[in-house]
């Protein structure tokens, strides 16, 4: 079931949104849904990274570069 929400935007952000709507031939709702989905995905990724960081450091991984070197 869909839920309707109201979002207040500063004028400049609203103009940018409208410009993107026209350029991408989409809707405000679609852009906001995609942006929210990406934001929530990034938050979950950050939460998981923070939880796993101590285990990675214990194994000698201190950066993403360390991980990429190990799997390349």
C-alpha atoms as a PDB file:
ATOM      1  CA  UNK A   1       0.000   0.000   0.000  1.00  0.00           C
ATOM      2  CA  UNK A   2       1.390   3.387  -0.964  1.00  0.00           C
ATOM      3  CA  UNK A   3       1.643   6.195   1.533  1.00  0.00           C
ATOM      4  CA  UNK A   4       1.588   9.851   0.561  1.00  0.00           C
ATOM      5  CA  UNK A   5       3.999  12.160   2.369  1.00  0.00           C
ATOM      6  CA  UNK A   6       4.658  15.881   2.122  1.00  0.00           C
ATOM      7  CA  UNK A   7       8.192  17.241   1.885  1.00  0.00           C
ATOM      8  CA  UNK A   8       9.216  20.878   2.239  1.00  0.00           C
ATOM      9  CA  UNK A   9      12.106  22.002   0.047  1.00  0.00           C
ATOM     10  CA  UNK A  10      14.107  25.183  -0.068  1.00  0.00           C
ATOM     11  CA  UNK A  11      13.385  27.119  -3.288  1.00  0.00           C
ATOM     12  CA  UNK A  12      16.778  26.347  -4.840  1.00  0.00           C
ATOM     13  CA  UNK A  13      16.447  22.612  -4.227  1.00  0.00           C
ATOM     14  CA  UNK A  14      12.920  22.704  -5.634  1.00  0.00           C
ATOM     15  CA  UNK A  15      14.212  24.411  -8.804  1.00  0.00           C
ATOM     16  CA  UNK A  16      16.939  21.783  -9.164  1.00  0.00           C
ATOM     17  CA  UNK A  17      14.376  19.032  -8.731  1.00  0.00           C
ATOM     18  CA  UNK A  18      12.097  20.540 -11.371  1.00  0.00           C
ATOM     19  CA  UNK A  19      15.045  20.908 -13.758  1.00  0.00           C
ATOM     20  CA  UNK A  20      15.935  17.245 -13.255  1.00  0.00           C
ATOM     21  CA  UNK A  21      12.305  16.212 -13.796  1.00  0.00           C
ATOM     22  CA  UNK A  22      12.284  17.935 -17.183  1.00  0.00           C
ATOM     23  CA  UNK A  23      15.734  16.714 -18.206  1.00  0.00           C
ATOM     24  CA  UNK A  24      14.994  13.100 -17.301  1.00  0.00           C
ATOM     25  CA  UNK A  25      11.330  13.068 -18.353  1.00  0.00           C
ATOM     26  CA  UNK A  26      10.237  11.669 -15.022  1.00  0.00           C
ATOM     27  CA  UNK A  27       8.279  12.804 -11.975  1.00  0.00           C
ATOM     28  CA  UNK A  28       9.193  14.482  -8.720  1.00  0.00           C
ATOM     29  CA  UNK A  29       7.952  11.413  -6.887  1.00  0.00           C
ATOM     30  CA  UNK A  30      10.198   9.093  -8.886  1.00  0.00           C
ATOM     31  CA  UNK A  31      13.304  11.196  -8.243  1.00  0.00           C
ATOM     32  CA  UNK A  32      12.531  11.541  -4.524  1.00  0.00           C
ATOM     33  CA  UNK A  33      11.862   7.788  -4.214  1.00  0.00           C
ATOM     34  CA  UNK A  34      15.164   6.947  -5.912  1.00  0.00           C
ATOM     35  CA  UNK A  35      17.069   9.466  -3.788  1.00  0.00           C
ATOM     36  CA  UNK A  36      15.520   8.133  -0.586  1.00  0.00           C
ATOM     37  CA  UNK A  37      16.238   4.551  -1.611  1.00  0.00           C
ATOM     38  CA  UNK A  38      19.898   5.417  -2.288  1.00  0.00           C
ATOM     39  CA  UNK A  39      20.170   7.322   1.004  1.00  0.00           C
ATOM     40  CA  UNK A  40      18.724   4.436   3.014  1.00  0.00           C
ATOM     41  CA  UNK A  41      20.972   1.935   1.217  1.00  0.00           C
ATOM     42  CA  UNK A  42      24.032   4.061   2.051  1.00  0.00           C
ATOM     43  CA  UNK A  43      22.960   4.352   5.690  1.00  0.00           C
ATOM     44  CA  UNK A  44      22.605   0.567   5.938  1.00  0.00           C
ATOM     45  CA  UNK A  45      25.989   0.087   4.259  1.00  0.00           C
ATOM     46  CA  UNK A  46      27.588   2.496   6.736  1.00  0.00           C
ATOM     47  CA  UNK A  47      25.933   0.694   9.650  1.00  0.00           C
ATOM     48  CA  UNK A  48      27.234  -2.675   8.469  1.00  0.00           C
ATOM     49  CA  UNK A  49      30.742  -1.291   7.852  1.00  0.00           C
ATOM     50  CA  UNK A  50      30.868   0.189  11.344  1.00  0.00           C
ATOM     51  CA  UNK A  51      29.751  -3.116  12.841  1.00  0.00           C
ATOM     52  CA  UNK A  52      32.327  -5.133  10.880  1.00  0.00           C
ATOM     53  CA  UNK A  53      35.239  -2.664  11.143  1.00  0.00           C
ATOM     54  CA  UNK A  54      36.749  -4.202  14.313  1.00  0.00           C
ATOM     55  CA  UNK A  55      36.814  -7.654  12.683  1.00  0.00           C
ATOM     56  CA  UNK A  56      38.380  -6.283   9.495  1.00  0.00           C
ATOM     57  CA  UNK A  57      41.059  -4.389  11.414  1.00  0.00           C
ATOM     58  CA  UNK A  58      41.834  -7.491  13.454  1.00  0.00           C
ATOM     59  CA  UNK A  59      42.403  -9.294  10.140  1.00  0.00           C
ATOM     60  CA  UNK A  60      44.689  -6.486   8.914  1.00  0.00           C
ATOM     61  CA  UNK A  61      42.245  -4.590   6.703  1.00  0.00           C
ATOM     62  CA  UNK A  62      42.324  -0.873   7.505  1.00  0.00           C
ATOM     63  CA  UNK A  63      40.995   0.593   4.256  1.00  0.00           C
ATOM     64  CA  UNK A  64      38.995  -0.334   1.182  1.00  0.00           C
ATOM     65  CA  UNK A  65      42.296  -0.338  -0.683  1.00  0.00           C
ATOM     66  CA  UNK A  66      43.530  -3.128   1.618  1.00  0.00           C
ATOM     67  CA  UNK A  67      40.447  -5.174   0.752  1.00  0.00           C
ATOM     68  CA  UNK A  68      40.814  -4.565  -2.993  1.00  0.00           C
ATOM     69  CA  UNK A  69      44.478  -5.591  -2.866  1.00  0.00           C
ATOM     70  CA  UNK A  70      43.561  -8.799  -1.053  1.00  0.00           C
ATOM     71  CA  UNK A  71      40.896  -9.834  -3.545  1.00  0.00           C
ATOM     72  CA  UNK A  72      42.680  -8.731  -6.744  1.00  0.00           C
END
